[in-house]
């Protein structure tokens, strides 16, 4: 399927020609693979990248296994401590989520990674609460709701230029809505639309502006933002 080489063309370098010949002699078995054992005949420029990819995949798998094992050990310890102290309350201990939420909102980490960072720092001796991933997620959603409420009260009191632009990905039209003025920039919304027609885009943006009561505050409209 992938043999698109022009037999009458000229090779750019000897390595490309040798690599093509190896592919033909091994019936395509030698190629850009993800295991080190099968890298015989791989182009020298790609071999280093393959090894780096394999190393990274291995590290990711080990990290995932360590995290799962650590969670299992936590659950075991919780169950043991609960059985030893029958008078202890059955509700789980809650941890402050401020630091973890900041990792999500400011450092752009996922809730799982934020939980892992807090856990790692705490194991290193840094006094830091370790909320669960679900706790970080719920706290992040609450922070988002508070931010939206703040925007709904404050944005309409300033003058804005409205920027929007779209990208069509996998049969879905995404439109990004941004507000800007001389003081700040606000990424207001990302719309997932059924198509990229003008009327569809207008209706999506109109819904957002209606919700935030922003029509009087929009002074300039800029489309097709680069």
N, C-alpha and C. Protein backbone atom coordinates (compact mmCIF):
# COMPACT_ATOMS: atom_id res chain seq x y z
N UNK A 1 0.83 -1.21 0.00
CA UNK A 1 0.00 0.00 0.00
C UNK A 1 0.86 1.27 0.00
N UNK A 2 1.98 1.21 0.74
CA UNK A 2 2.79 2.41 0.91
C UNK A 2 3.98 2.48 -0.05
N UNK A 3 4.06 1.56 -1.00
CA UNK A 3 5.16 1.56 -1.94
C UNK A 3 4.83 2.54 -3.08
N UNK A 4 5.20 3.82 -2.88
CA UNK A 4 4.88 4.85 -3.87
C UNK A 4 6.16 5.39 -4.51
N UNK A 5 7.26 4.64 -4.38
CA UNK A 5 8.53 5.10 -4.93
C UNK A 5 8.52 5.03 -6.45
N UNK A 6 8.99 6.08 -7.08
CA UNK A 6 9.10 6.13 -8.53
C UNK A 6 10.35 5.34 -8.94
N UNK A 7 10.15 4.21 -9.60
CA UNK A 7 11.28 3.34 -9.95
C UNK A 7 12.24 4.03 -10.91
N UNK A 8 11.75 5.00 -11.68
CA UNK A 8 12.61 5.68 -12.63
C UNK A 8 13.15 7.00 -12.07
N UNK A 9 12.82 7.30 -10.84
CA UNK A 9 13.28 8.55 -10.24
C UNK A 9 14.70 8.45 -9.74
N UNK A 10 15.21 9.56 -9.22
CA UNK A 10 16.58 9.61 -8.70
C UNK A 10 16.53 9.64 -7.17
N UNK A 11 17.41 8.84 -6.55
CA UNK A 11 17.48 8.83 -5.09
C UNK A 11 18.15 10.10 -4.60
N UNK A 12 17.64 10.65 -3.50
CA UNK A 12 18.24 11.85 -2.94
C UNK A 12 19.54 11.54 -2.21
N UNK A 13 19.63 10.31 -1.65
CA UNK A 13 20.85 9.93 -0.96
C UNK A 13 20.96 8.41 -0.95
N UNK A 14 22.15 7.92 -0.64
CA UNK A 14 22.40 6.47 -0.63
C UNK A 14 21.59 5.78 0.47
N UNK A 15 21.40 6.46 1.62
CA UNK A 15 20.66 5.86 2.73
C UNK A 15 19.22 5.55 2.33
N UNK A 16 18.58 6.45 1.59
CA UNK A 16 17.21 6.22 1.16
C UNK A 16 17.12 5.01 0.22
N UNK A 17 18.07 4.91 -0.69
CA UNK A 17 18.08 3.79 -1.64
C UNK A 17 18.29 2.47 -0.90
N UNK A 18 19.27 2.43 0.02
CA UNK A 18 19.55 1.21 0.77
C UNK A 18 18.34 0.81 1.62
N UNK A 19 17.70 1.80 2.21
CA UNK A 19 16.53 1.51 3.04
C UNK A 19 15.39 0.94 2.20
N UNK A 20 15.20 1.47 1.02
CA UNK A 20 14.15 0.96 0.12
C UNK A 20 14.44 -0.48 -0.27
N UNK A 21 15.70 -0.78 -0.56
CA UNK A 21 16.07 -2.14 -0.94
C UNK A 21 15.83 -3.11 0.21
N UNK A 22 16.12 -2.67 1.44
CA UNK A 22 15.87 -3.53 2.60
C UNK A 22 14.39 -3.78 2.77
N UNK A 23 13.57 -2.76 2.55
CA UNK A 23 12.12 -2.93 2.64
C UNK A 23 11.64 -3.97 1.62
N UNK A 24 12.17 -3.88 0.40
CA UNK A 24 11.74 -4.81 -0.63
C UNK A 24 12.19 -6.24 -0.32
N UNK A 25 13.40 -6.39 0.19
CA UNK A 25 13.92 -7.73 0.46
C UNK A 25 13.27 -8.38 1.67
N UNK A 26 12.70 -7.58 2.58
CA UNK A 26 12.05 -8.13 3.78
C UNK A 26 10.54 -8.07 3.66
N UNK A 27 10.03 -7.82 2.45
CA UNK A 27 8.60 -7.74 2.22
C UNK A 27 7.94 -6.68 3.12
N UNK A 28 8.66 -5.57 3.32
CA UNK A 28 8.11 -4.45 4.09
C UNK A 28 8.24 -4.59 5.58
N UNK A 29 8.89 -5.66 6.06
CA UNK A 29 8.98 -5.89 7.51
C UNK A 29 9.91 -4.88 8.18
N UNK A 30 10.97 -4.47 7.48
CA UNK A 30 11.85 -3.45 8.02
C UNK A 30 11.25 -2.09 7.74
N UNK A 31 11.02 -1.31 8.80
CA UNK A 31 10.39 -0.02 8.57
C UNK A 31 10.37 0.80 9.83
N UNK A 32 9.51 1.78 9.85
CA UNK A 32 9.40 2.66 11.00
C UNK A 32 8.54 1.97 12.05
N UNK A 33 9.18 1.29 13.00
CA UNK A 33 8.46 0.47 13.96
C UNK A 33 8.61 1.07 15.35
N UNK A 34 7.98 0.44 16.34
CA UNK A 34 8.00 0.95 17.70
C UNK A 34 8.71 0.01 18.66
N UNK A 35 9.35 -1.03 18.16
CA UNK A 35 10.11 -1.93 19.02
C UNK A 35 11.55 -1.97 18.57
N UNK A 36 12.46 -1.99 19.53
CA UNK A 36 13.89 -1.91 19.20
C UNK A 36 14.35 -3.17 18.48
N UNK A 37 13.71 -4.32 18.81
CA UNK A 37 14.19 -5.58 18.24
C UNK A 37 14.04 -5.61 16.73
N UNK A 38 13.08 -4.88 16.16
CA UNK A 38 12.80 -4.96 14.74
C UNK A 38 13.36 -3.76 13.96
N UNK A 39 14.43 -3.14 14.48
CA UNK A 39 14.93 -1.92 13.85
C UNK A 39 16.07 -2.20 12.87
N UNK A 40 16.35 -3.46 12.56
CA UNK A 40 17.40 -3.75 11.59
C UNK A 40 16.98 -3.23 10.21
N UNK A 41 17.82 -2.41 9.64
CA UNK A 41 17.53 -1.86 8.33
C UNK A 41 16.76 -0.55 8.37
N UNK A 42 16.45 -0.05 9.58
CA UNK A 42 15.73 1.22 9.69
C UNK A 42 16.66 2.36 9.32
N UNK A 43 16.10 3.38 8.71
CA UNK A 43 16.88 4.53 8.30
C UNK A 43 17.60 5.10 9.51
N UNK A 44 18.92 5.41 9.40
CA UNK A 44 19.70 5.90 10.55
C UNK A 44 19.10 7.15 11.19
N UNK A 45 18.48 7.99 10.38
CA UNK A 45 17.92 9.23 10.93
C UNK A 45 16.69 8.96 11.78
N UNK A 46 16.03 7.82 11.57
CA UNK A 46 14.81 7.49 12.31
C UNK A 46 15.08 6.61 13.52
N UNK A 47 16.23 5.94 13.54
CA UNK A 47 16.50 4.96 14.59
C UNK A 47 16.53 5.63 15.97
N UNK A 48 17.15 6.79 16.06
CA UNK A 48 17.24 7.50 17.33
C UNK A 48 15.85 7.89 17.83
N UNK A 49 14.99 8.36 16.92
CA UNK A 49 13.64 8.75 17.30
C UNK A 49 12.84 7.55 17.79
N UNK A 50 13.04 6.39 17.13
CA UNK A 50 12.32 5.18 17.54
C UNK A 50 12.71 4.78 18.96
N UNK A 51 14.01 4.81 19.26
CA UNK A 51 14.46 4.44 20.59
C UNK A 51 13.92 5.40 21.65
N UNK A 52 13.88 6.70 21.32
CA UNK A 52 13.33 7.67 22.26
C UNK A 52 11.86 7.41 22.50
N UNK A 53 11.12 7.03 21.42
CA UNK A 53 9.69 6.76 21.56
C UNK A 53 9.46 5.54 22.44
N UNK A 54 10.25 4.49 22.23
CA UNK A 54 10.11 3.28 23.04
C UNK A 54 10.42 3.58 24.49
N UNK A 55 11.47 4.37 24.74
CA UNK A 55 11.83 4.71 26.11
C UNK A 55 10.72 5.49 26.79
N UNK A 56 10.14 6.45 26.07
CA UNK A 56 9.07 7.26 26.63
C UNK A 56 7.83 6.42 26.93
N UNK A 57 7.47 5.52 25.99
CA UNK A 57 6.31 4.65 26.21
C UNK A 57 6.52 3.77 27.44
N UNK A 58 7.74 3.26 27.60
CA UNK A 58 8.03 2.41 28.75
C UNK A 58 7.89 3.18 30.05
N UNK A 59 8.43 4.42 30.07
CA UNK A 59 8.33 5.24 31.26
C UNK A 59 6.88 5.57 31.60
N UNK A 60 6.08 5.85 30.56
CA UNK A 60 4.67 6.16 30.79
C UNK A 60 3.95 4.96 31.40
N UNK A 61 4.25 3.75 30.88
CA UNK A 61 3.61 2.55 31.40
C UNK A 61 4.00 2.31 32.86
N UNK A 62 5.29 2.52 33.17
CA UNK A 62 5.74 2.32 34.55
C UNK A 62 5.11 3.34 35.48
N UNK A 63 5.01 4.60 35.02
CA UNK A 63 4.40 5.64 35.85
C UNK A 63 2.94 5.32 36.12
N UNK A 64 2.25 4.85 35.07
CA UNK A 64 0.84 4.50 35.23
C UNK A 64 0.68 3.34 36.21
N UNK A 65 1.56 2.32 36.10
CA UNK A 65 1.49 1.18 37.01
C UNK A 65 1.78 1.61 38.44
N UNK A 66 2.79 2.51 38.62
CA UNK A 66 3.13 2.98 39.96
C UNK A 66 1.95 3.72 40.58
N UNK A 67 1.29 4.55 39.77
CA UNK A 67 0.16 5.32 40.29
C UNK A 67 -0.99 4.41 40.68
N UNK A 68 -1.26 3.40 39.83
CA UNK A 68 -2.33 2.46 40.16
C UNK A 68 -2.00 1.69 41.42
N UNK A 69 -0.72 1.25 41.55
CA UNK A 69 -0.32 0.50 42.73
C UNK A 69 -0.41 1.36 43.98
N UNK A 70 -0.02 2.64 43.83
CA UNK A 70 -0.06 3.55 44.97
C UNK A 70 -1.50 3.75 45.43
N UNK A 71 -2.42 3.90 44.48
CA UNK A 71 -3.83 4.06 44.82
C UNK A 71 -4.35 2.81 45.53
N UNK A 72 -3.91 1.62 45.03
CA UNK A 72 -4.34 0.39 45.67
C UNK A 72 -3.84 0.31 47.10
N UNK A 73 -2.58 0.71 47.32
CA UNK A 73 -2.03 0.67 48.67
C UNK A 73 -2.78 1.64 49.58
N UNK A 74 -3.14 2.83 49.05
CA UNK A 74 -3.91 3.79 49.84
C UNK A 74 -5.24 3.19 50.27
N UNK A 75 -5.90 2.50 49.32
CA UNK A 75 -7.18 1.90 49.63
C UNK A 75 -7.02 0.82 50.69
N UNK A 76 -5.94 0.02 50.60
CA UNK A 76 -5.71 -1.02 51.58
C UNK A 76 -5.48 -0.42 52.96
N UNK A 77 -4.68 0.66 53.02
CA UNK A 77 -4.39 1.29 54.30
C UNK A 77 -5.65 1.87 54.91
N UNK A 78 -6.49 2.48 54.07
CA UNK A 78 -7.74 3.03 54.55
C UNK A 78 -8.62 1.94 55.14
N UNK A 79 -8.70 0.79 54.45
CA UNK A 79 -9.55 -0.29 54.93
C UNK A 79 -9.00 -0.89 56.22
N UNK A 80 -7.65 -0.98 56.32
CA UNK A 80 -7.04 -1.52 57.53
C UNK A 80 -7.28 -0.60 58.71
N UNK A 81 -7.03 0.71 58.52
CA UNK A 81 -7.22 1.66 59.60
C UNK A 81 -8.68 1.69 60.04
N UNK A 82 -9.59 1.51 59.07
CA UNK A 82 -11.00 1.52 59.41
C UNK A 82 -11.38 0.31 60.23
N UNK A 83 -10.75 -0.83 59.97
CA UNK A 83 -11.08 -2.05 60.71
C UNK A 83 -10.48 -2.03 62.10
N UNK A 84 -9.33 -1.33 62.26
CA UNK A 84 -8.69 -1.28 63.57
C UNK A 84 -9.45 -0.36 64.51
N UNK A 85 -9.98 0.73 63.99
CA UNK A 85 -10.68 1.70 64.82
C UNK A 85 -12.15 1.69 64.44
N UNK A 86 -12.94 0.92 65.15
CA UNK A 86 -14.35 0.79 64.80
C UNK A 86 -15.14 2.04 65.13
N UNK A 87 -14.60 2.90 66.04
CA UNK A 87 -15.31 4.12 66.42
C UNK A 87 -15.03 5.27 65.47
N UNK A 88 -14.10 5.11 64.53
CA UNK A 88 -13.73 6.19 63.61
C UNK A 88 -14.86 6.43 62.63
N UNK A 89 -15.07 7.68 62.21
CA UNK A 89 -16.13 7.98 61.24
C UNK A 89 -15.85 7.31 59.90
N UNK A 90 -16.90 6.96 59.20
CA UNK A 90 -16.75 6.23 57.93
C UNK A 90 -16.54 7.17 56.76
N UNK A 91 -16.76 8.48 56.93
CA UNK A 91 -16.58 9.42 55.82
C UNK A 91 -15.11 9.59 55.53
N UNK A 92 -14.77 9.77 54.24
CA UNK A 92 -13.38 9.94 53.85
C UNK A 92 -12.90 11.35 54.21
N UNK A 93 -11.59 11.46 54.45
CA UNK A 93 -11.01 12.73 54.83
C UNK A 93 -10.93 13.65 53.62
N UNK A 94 -11.33 14.89 53.80
CA UNK A 94 -11.29 15.85 52.70
C UNK A 94 -10.03 16.71 52.80
N UNK A 95 -9.50 17.06 51.67
CA UNK A 95 -8.30 17.89 51.60
C UNK A 95 -8.61 19.17 50.84
N UNK A 96 -7.88 20.22 51.18
CA UNK A 96 -8.05 21.48 50.46
C UNK A 96 -7.59 21.31 49.01
N UNK A 97 -8.31 21.93 48.11
CA UNK A 97 -8.04 21.72 46.69
C UNK A 97 -7.48 22.96 45.99
N UNK A 98 -7.20 24.03 46.74
CA UNK A 98 -6.78 25.28 46.12
C UNK A 98 -5.52 25.11 45.27
N UNK A 99 -4.50 24.44 45.84
CA UNK A 99 -3.24 24.28 45.11
C UNK A 99 -3.43 23.44 43.86
N UNK A 100 -4.21 22.36 43.98
CA UNK A 100 -4.44 21.48 42.83
C UNK A 100 -5.21 22.20 41.74
N UNK A 101 -6.22 22.99 42.13
CA UNK A 101 -7.00 23.74 41.13
C UNK A 101 -6.12 24.76 40.42
N UNK A 102 -5.20 25.38 41.14
CA UNK A 102 -4.27 26.32 40.50
C UNK A 102 -3.38 25.62 39.48
N UNK A 103 -3.00 24.38 39.76
CA UNK A 103 -2.21 23.62 38.80
C UNK A 103 -3.00 23.36 37.52
N UNK A 104 -4.31 23.15 37.67
CA UNK A 104 -5.15 22.91 36.50
C UNK A 104 -5.37 24.19 35.71
N UNK A 105 -5.71 25.28 36.40
CA UNK A 105 -6.09 26.52 35.71
C UNK A 105 -4.88 27.33 35.24
N UNK A 106 -3.82 27.36 36.04
CA UNK A 106 -2.66 28.19 35.69
C UNK A 106 -1.61 27.42 34.91
N UNK A 107 -1.34 26.18 35.33
CA UNK A 107 -0.30 25.38 34.67
C UNK A 107 -0.85 24.49 33.57
N UNK A 108 -2.20 24.52 33.36
CA UNK A 108 -2.84 23.75 32.28
C UNK A 108 -2.64 22.24 32.43
N UNK A 109 -2.57 21.75 33.67
CA UNK A 109 -2.46 20.31 33.89
C UNK A 109 -3.86 19.69 33.93
N UNK A 110 -3.93 18.40 33.65
CA UNK A 110 -5.19 17.69 33.83
C UNK A 110 -5.41 17.47 35.32
N UNK A 111 -6.64 17.12 35.69
CA UNK A 111 -6.92 16.88 37.11
C UNK A 111 -6.11 15.70 37.64
N UNK A 112 -5.90 14.70 36.80
CA UNK A 112 -5.10 13.54 37.21
C UNK A 112 -3.65 13.94 37.46
N UNK A 113 -3.09 14.74 36.56
CA UNK A 113 -1.70 15.16 36.72
C UNK A 113 -1.55 16.09 37.93
N UNK A 114 -2.56 16.94 38.17
CA UNK A 114 -2.52 17.82 39.33
C UNK A 114 -2.49 16.99 40.62
N UNK A 115 -3.33 15.95 40.67
CA UNK A 115 -3.33 15.05 41.82
C UNK A 115 -1.96 14.39 41.99
N UNK A 116 -1.37 13.95 40.88
CA UNK A 116 -0.07 13.27 40.93
C UNK A 116 1.03 14.22 41.41
N UNK A 117 1.00 15.46 40.94
CA UNK A 117 2.01 16.45 41.35
C UNK A 117 1.91 16.71 42.85
N UNK A 118 0.70 16.91 43.35
CA UNK A 118 0.52 17.14 44.79
C UNK A 118 1.01 15.95 45.60
N UNK A 119 0.70 14.75 45.13
CA UNK A 119 1.13 13.54 45.83
C UNK A 119 2.65 13.41 45.83
N UNK A 120 3.27 13.71 44.70
CA UNK A 120 4.73 13.60 44.59
C UNK A 120 5.43 14.61 45.48
N UNK A 121 4.94 15.84 45.49
CA UNK A 121 5.55 16.88 46.33
C UNK A 121 5.39 16.55 47.81
N UNK A 122 4.22 16.02 48.17
CA UNK A 122 4.00 15.66 49.57
C UNK A 122 4.94 14.53 50.00
N UNK A 123 5.18 13.57 49.10
CA UNK A 123 6.10 12.48 49.41
C UNK A 123 7.53 12.99 49.54
N UNK A 124 7.82 14.12 48.90
CA UNK A 124 9.17 14.70 48.96
C UNK A 124 9.37 15.54 50.21
N UNK A 125 8.36 15.65 51.04
CA UNK A 125 8.50 16.39 52.29
C UNK A 125 7.87 17.76 52.29
N UNK A 126 7.26 18.16 51.18
CA UNK A 126 6.61 19.47 51.11
C UNK A 126 5.21 19.36 51.70
N UNK A 127 4.90 20.26 52.62
CA UNK A 127 3.58 20.23 53.26
C UNK A 127 2.53 20.70 52.27
N UNK A 128 1.80 19.76 51.73
CA UNK A 128 0.83 20.06 50.69
C UNK A 128 -0.32 19.06 50.78
N UNK A 129 -1.58 19.54 50.77
CA UNK A 129 -2.71 18.61 50.80
C UNK A 129 -2.77 17.79 49.52
N UNK A 130 -3.29 16.57 49.62
CA UNK A 130 -3.37 15.67 48.47
C UNK A 130 -4.83 15.30 48.23
N UNK A 131 -5.57 16.15 47.54
CA UNK A 131 -6.96 15.80 47.23
C UNK A 131 -7.02 14.71 46.17
N UNK A 132 -8.10 13.96 46.16
CA UNK A 132 -8.28 12.93 45.15
C UNK A 132 -8.52 13.56 43.79
N UNK A 133 -8.35 12.76 42.74
CA UNK A 133 -8.58 13.28 41.39
C UNK A 133 -10.02 13.76 41.23
N UNK A 134 -10.97 13.00 41.76
CA UNK A 134 -12.37 13.42 41.66
C UNK A 134 -12.61 14.70 42.42
N UNK A 135 -11.92 14.86 43.55
CA UNK A 135 -12.04 16.10 44.32
C UNK A 135 -11.50 17.29 43.55
N UNK A 136 -10.35 17.09 42.87
CA UNK A 136 -9.77 18.18 42.06
C UNK A 136 -10.72 18.54 40.92
N UNK A 137 -11.32 17.51 40.30
CA UNK A 137 -12.23 17.75 39.18
C UNK A 137 -13.44 18.57 39.64
N UNK A 138 -14.05 18.16 40.75
CA UNK A 138 -15.23 18.88 41.24
C UNK A 138 -14.87 20.32 41.62
N UNK A 139 -13.72 20.50 42.26
CA UNK A 139 -13.31 21.84 42.65
C UNK A 139 -13.02 22.71 41.43
N UNK A 140 -12.44 22.11 40.38
CA UNK A 140 -12.16 22.86 39.16
C UNK A 140 -13.46 23.29 38.48
N UNK A 141 -14.46 22.40 38.47
CA UNK A 141 -15.75 22.76 37.88
C UNK A 141 -16.41 23.90 38.66
N UNK A 142 -16.30 23.86 40.00
CA UNK A 142 -16.86 24.93 40.82
C UNK A 142 -16.13 26.25 40.56
N UNK A 143 -14.81 26.17 40.40
CA UNK A 143 -14.03 27.38 40.10
C UNK A 143 -14.44 27.95 38.75
N UNK A 144 -14.70 27.06 37.78
CA UNK A 144 -15.16 27.52 36.47
C UNK A 144 -16.51 28.19 36.55
N UNK A 145 -17.42 27.64 37.36
CA UNK A 145 -18.74 28.25 37.52
C UNK A 145 -18.64 29.63 38.16
N UNK A 146 -17.75 29.76 39.17
CA UNK A 146 -17.56 31.07 39.81
C UNK A 146 -16.97 32.08 38.83
N UNK A 147 -16.01 31.63 38.01
CA UNK A 147 -15.41 32.53 37.02
C UNK A 147 -16.45 32.99 36.01
N UNK A 148 -17.33 32.07 35.60
CA UNK A 148 -18.38 32.43 34.66
C UNK A 148 -19.32 33.46 35.27
N UNK A 149 -19.70 33.26 36.53
CA UNK A 149 -20.56 34.22 37.21
C UNK A 149 -19.89 35.60 37.29
N UNK A 150 -18.58 35.59 37.57
CA UNK A 150 -17.84 36.85 37.62
C UNK A 150 -17.82 37.54 36.26
N UNK A 151 -17.60 36.76 35.21
CA UNK A 151 -17.60 37.32 33.86
C UNK A 151 -18.97 37.89 33.48
N UNK A 152 -20.03 37.20 33.86
CA UNK A 152 -21.37 37.65 33.51
C UNK A 152 -21.70 38.97 34.18
N UNK A 153 -21.08 39.23 35.33
CA UNK A 153 -21.34 40.49 36.03
C UNK A 153 -20.41 41.61 35.57
N UNK A 154 -19.19 41.27 35.18
CA UNK A 154 -18.18 42.31 34.95
C UNK A 154 -17.94 42.64 33.47
N UNK A 155 -18.02 41.66 32.58
CA UNK A 155 -17.64 41.91 31.18
C UNK A 155 -18.54 42.94 30.51
N UNK A 156 -19.81 42.94 30.85
CA UNK A 156 -20.75 43.86 30.20
C UNK A 156 -20.50 45.32 30.56
N UNK A 157 -19.66 45.58 31.55
CA UNK A 157 -19.37 46.94 31.98
C UNK A 157 -18.16 47.55 31.28
N UNK A 158 -17.52 46.80 30.37
CA UNK A 158 -16.37 47.29 29.63
C UNK A 158 -16.68 47.31 28.13
N UNK A 159 -15.83 48.01 27.38
CA UNK A 159 -15.93 48.02 25.92
C UNK A 159 -14.99 46.96 25.35
N UNK A 160 -15.48 46.22 24.32
CA UNK A 160 -14.72 45.10 23.80
C UNK A 160 -14.70 45.08 22.28
N UNK A 161 -13.63 44.50 21.76
CA UNK A 161 -13.63 44.06 20.37
C UNK A 161 -13.85 42.55 20.38
N UNK A 162 -14.72 42.08 19.50
CA UNK A 162 -15.08 40.67 19.44
C UNK A 162 -14.30 39.99 18.32
N UNK A 163 -13.53 38.97 18.68
CA UNK A 163 -12.77 38.19 17.70
C UNK A 163 -13.35 36.78 17.65
N UNK A 164 -13.48 36.23 16.46
CA UNK A 164 -13.87 34.82 16.35
C UNK A 164 -13.29 34.22 15.09
N UNK A 165 -12.97 32.95 15.18
CA UNK A 165 -12.43 32.22 14.02
C UNK A 165 -12.70 30.74 14.25
N UNK A 166 -12.74 29.99 13.16
CA UNK A 166 -13.13 28.59 13.27
C UNK A 166 -12.13 27.63 12.67
N UNK A 167 -12.32 26.37 13.00
CA UNK A 167 -11.53 25.27 12.45
C UNK A 167 -12.46 24.07 12.31
N UNK A 168 -12.44 23.45 11.12
CA UNK A 168 -13.31 22.30 10.86
C UNK A 168 -12.51 21.02 11.13
N UNK A 169 -12.92 20.25 12.15
CA UNK A 169 -12.21 19.04 12.56
C UNK A 169 -13.21 17.90 12.69
N UNK A 170 -13.01 16.85 11.91
CA UNK A 170 -13.81 15.62 12.02
C UNK A 170 -15.32 15.92 11.98
N UNK A 171 -15.73 16.58 10.93
CA UNK A 171 -17.14 16.86 10.68
C UNK A 171 -17.78 17.80 11.70
N UNK A 172 -16.98 18.49 12.47
CA UNK A 172 -17.49 19.45 13.44
C UNK A 172 -16.81 20.80 13.24
N UNK A 173 -17.59 21.85 13.24
CA UNK A 173 -17.07 23.21 13.11
C UNK A 173 -16.87 23.80 14.50
N UNK A 174 -15.62 24.12 14.84
CA UNK A 174 -15.31 24.73 16.13
C UNK A 174 -15.06 26.23 15.94
N UNK A 175 -15.71 27.05 16.73
CA UNK A 175 -15.53 28.49 16.69
C UNK A 175 -15.04 28.98 18.04
N UNK A 176 -13.93 29.71 18.03
CA UNK A 176 -13.36 30.27 19.25
C UNK A 176 -13.77 31.73 19.36
N UNK A 177 -14.30 32.12 20.51
CA UNK A 177 -14.77 33.49 20.74
C UNK A 177 -13.85 34.16 21.76
N UNK A 178 -13.27 35.29 21.39
CA UNK A 178 -12.33 36.00 22.24
C UNK A 178 -12.74 37.46 22.34
N UNK A 179 -12.65 38.03 23.55
CA UNK A 179 -12.88 39.45 23.77
C UNK A 179 -11.55 40.12 24.07
N UNK A 180 -11.33 41.29 23.48
CA UNK A 180 -10.09 42.02 23.73
C UNK A 180 -10.38 43.50 23.86
N UNK A 181 -9.64 44.16 24.74
CA UNK A 181 -9.62 45.62 24.79
C UNK A 181 -8.20 46.06 25.14
N UNK A 182 -8.02 47.33 25.50
CA UNK A 182 -6.67 47.83 25.72
C UNK A 182 -6.05 47.28 27.00
N UNK A 183 -6.85 46.62 27.85
CA UNK A 183 -6.35 46.16 29.14
C UNK A 183 -6.14 44.65 29.22
N UNK A 184 -6.98 43.87 28.56
CA UNK A 184 -6.88 42.42 28.75
C UNK A 184 -7.54 41.66 27.61
N UNK A 185 -7.35 40.36 27.65
CA UNK A 185 -7.95 39.45 26.67
C UNK A 185 -8.67 38.33 27.42
N UNK A 186 -9.88 38.02 26.98
CA UNK A 186 -10.69 37.00 27.64
C UNK A 186 -11.08 35.95 26.60
N UNK A 187 -10.66 34.71 26.83
CA UNK A 187 -11.10 33.59 25.98
C UNK A 187 -12.47 33.16 26.50
N UNK A 188 -13.51 33.58 25.80
CA UNK A 188 -14.86 33.47 26.34
C UNK A 188 -15.49 32.10 26.12
N UNK A 189 -15.34 31.52 24.92
CA UNK A 189 -16.04 30.26 24.65
C UNK A 189 -15.44 29.57 23.44
N UNK A 190 -15.66 28.25 23.38
CA UNK A 190 -15.36 27.45 22.19
C UNK A 190 -16.65 26.73 21.82
N UNK A 191 -17.16 27.00 20.63
CA UNK A 191 -18.43 26.43 20.19
C UNK A 191 -18.18 25.23 19.29
N UNK A 192 -18.92 24.16 19.49
CA UNK A 192 -18.91 23.00 18.61
C UNK A 192 -20.20 23.03 17.80
N UNK A 193 -20.11 23.33 16.49
CA UNK A 193 -21.28 23.54 15.64
C UNK A 193 -21.41 22.41 14.62
N UNK A 194 -22.62 22.26 14.10
CA UNK A 194 -22.88 21.15 13.17
C UNK A 194 -22.30 21.42 11.80
N UNK A 195 -22.09 22.69 11.44
CA UNK A 195 -21.49 23.02 10.15
C UNK A 195 -20.89 24.41 10.21
N UNK A 196 -20.23 24.82 9.13
CA UNK A 196 -19.56 26.11 9.10
C UNK A 196 -20.31 27.18 8.34
N UNK A 197 -21.62 27.02 8.18
CA UNK A 197 -22.42 28.03 7.49
C UNK A 197 -22.50 29.30 8.31
N UNK A 198 -22.63 30.44 7.61
CA UNK A 198 -22.67 31.73 8.28
C UNK A 198 -23.79 31.83 9.30
N UNK A 199 -24.96 31.33 8.94
CA UNK A 199 -26.10 31.42 9.86
C UNK A 199 -25.86 30.58 11.12
N UNK A 200 -25.26 29.41 10.95
CA UNK A 200 -24.97 28.56 12.10
C UNK A 200 -23.96 29.22 13.04
N UNK A 201 -22.92 29.80 12.45
CA UNK A 201 -21.90 30.48 13.26
C UNK A 201 -22.51 31.68 13.98
N UNK A 202 -23.31 32.46 13.26
CA UNK A 202 -23.95 33.63 13.87
C UNK A 202 -24.82 33.23 15.05
N UNK A 203 -25.65 32.20 14.87
CA UNK A 203 -26.55 31.79 15.94
C UNK A 203 -25.77 31.32 17.17
N UNK A 204 -24.64 30.61 16.94
CA UNK A 204 -23.83 30.16 18.06
C UNK A 204 -23.23 31.32 18.84
N UNK A 205 -22.67 32.30 18.10
CA UNK A 205 -22.07 33.46 18.76
C UNK A 205 -23.16 34.30 19.44
N UNK A 206 -24.30 34.44 18.79
CA UNK A 206 -25.42 35.21 19.36
C UNK A 206 -25.85 34.63 20.70
N UNK A 207 -25.91 33.31 20.80
CA UNK A 207 -26.31 32.66 22.05
C UNK A 207 -25.37 33.04 23.19
N UNK A 208 -24.05 33.07 22.90
CA UNK A 208 -23.08 33.43 23.93
C UNK A 208 -23.23 34.89 24.33
N UNK A 209 -23.36 35.79 23.34
CA UNK A 209 -23.48 37.21 23.64
C UNK A 209 -24.78 37.51 24.39
N UNK A 210 -25.83 36.79 24.06
CA UNK A 210 -27.09 36.96 24.79
C UNK A 210 -26.94 36.53 26.24
N UNK A 211 -26.25 35.40 26.44
CA UNK A 211 -26.11 34.86 27.80
C UNK A 211 -25.33 35.82 28.69
N UNK A 212 -24.28 36.43 28.13
CA UNK A 212 -23.45 37.35 28.92
C UNK A 212 -23.93 38.80 28.82
N UNK A 213 -25.01 39.06 28.06
CA UNK A 213 -25.56 40.42 27.89
C UNK A 213 -24.48 41.39 27.39
N UNK A 214 -23.79 40.98 26.33
CA UNK A 214 -22.63 41.71 25.85
C UNK A 214 -22.89 42.59 24.63
N UNK A 215 -24.09 42.55 24.06
CA UNK A 215 -24.31 43.30 22.81
C UNK A 215 -23.94 44.77 22.93
N UNK A 216 -24.36 45.50 23.98
CA UNK A 216 -24.00 46.92 24.06
C UNK A 216 -22.50 47.15 24.26
N UNK A 217 -21.78 46.12 24.76
CA UNK A 217 -20.35 46.29 25.05
C UNK A 217 -19.46 46.01 23.85
N UNK A 218 -20.01 45.39 22.79
CA UNK A 218 -19.21 45.07 21.60
C UNK A 218 -19.14 46.30 20.70
N UNK A 219 -17.92 46.82 20.50
CA UNK A 219 -17.72 48.02 19.68
C UNK A 219 -17.10 47.70 18.32
N UNK A 220 -16.36 46.62 18.23
CA UNK A 220 -15.70 46.21 16.99
C UNK A 220 -15.84 44.70 16.85
N UNK A 221 -16.07 44.22 15.62
CA UNK A 221 -16.14 42.79 15.37
C UNK A 221 -15.06 42.44 14.33
N UNK A 222 -14.21 41.47 14.68
CA UNK A 222 -13.12 41.04 13.80
C UNK A 222 -13.27 39.54 13.58
N UNK A 223 -13.50 39.13 12.32
CA UNK A 223 -13.64 37.72 12.00
C UNK A 223 -12.39 37.20 11.30
N UNK A 224 -12.27 35.88 11.20
CA UNK A 224 -11.13 35.24 10.54
C UNK A 224 -9.82 35.69 11.18
N UNK A 225 -9.72 35.52 12.50
CA UNK A 225 -8.53 35.95 13.25
C UNK A 225 -7.33 35.09 12.88
N UNK A 226 -6.21 35.69 12.55
CA UNK A 226 -5.00 34.93 12.26
C UNK A 226 -4.22 34.68 13.54
